[in-house]
Amino acid sequence: MKKKQNRTQSVETQLAGDISKSSKKGTGRNRLLDIGKKNEPPFLVSLIDHKSLVDYDAAMQLFRYMMCIWTAYKKEMEIKHKGITGRKSFRYPVIIPIIYYEGKSTWTASRNFCDRIGYSSEFQKWIPDFQYELVSVHEQSNQDLLKRGDEISLIMLMNKIQNADDL
C-alpha cells in the first residue's frame, strides 16, 4: 500500500510541475497552487491505473472509476452536510486520470475518451470528454531515473528492468 501512495504522490508532483511549467510558457493554464478559492487549496483526486499491456478500452474503464469516485464523494458529503449536493454552489472534485504503463511496446491507445464513442464528432455536445495522462516507464532512461534519486524513480527502474538486456 505504501508503494502506491508514493507512486501517486510522485505522479501528482510531476503533473503539478508540468502545469506550473505550462503556465510559465503562457499557455493560459494556471499553476496548481493558484487554483483554490479564498486561499483554499484545490481538492484534486489522482486516479492511477496500472497497465502492462496496451488497453484500448482504458479511457472507458477510467470513466467508470471516475463515476464511482464522484458517487462516493457525493455520499460522503451528504453524510457530513445533509442537502449540500443539491446546492447550486456544490462542486465535485477534479479527477486527474493517469495510466501508469510498464509495457515495452509503444502505447497506441487513444488518450481521449471521445475516441471510444461512435459518431462522437457528430454528437459531440452530448458526450463527456476527457484525456488521461500517460506515464510510460520505458520512455524514461535508466540514467534519468537513477539521477532523480527518489523512491518512486527507484520503483519505476525496478519495474522497467525485467532481464539482463534491460540494464
Foldseek 3Di string as FASTA:
>chain_A
DVLVVVLVVVVVVVVLVVQVVVVVVVPPGDRQCPPDDPNDHADEAEAEDEDADQDQCVLVVVVVVVVVVQVVVVVVVCVVPPPPVVDPPDDTGHYAYEYEYQYPDDRDHFQKSLVVDPPCVVVVVVDDIDGHHYHYLNVDQLVNLVVVVDDNSVVSLVSNDDDPVSD
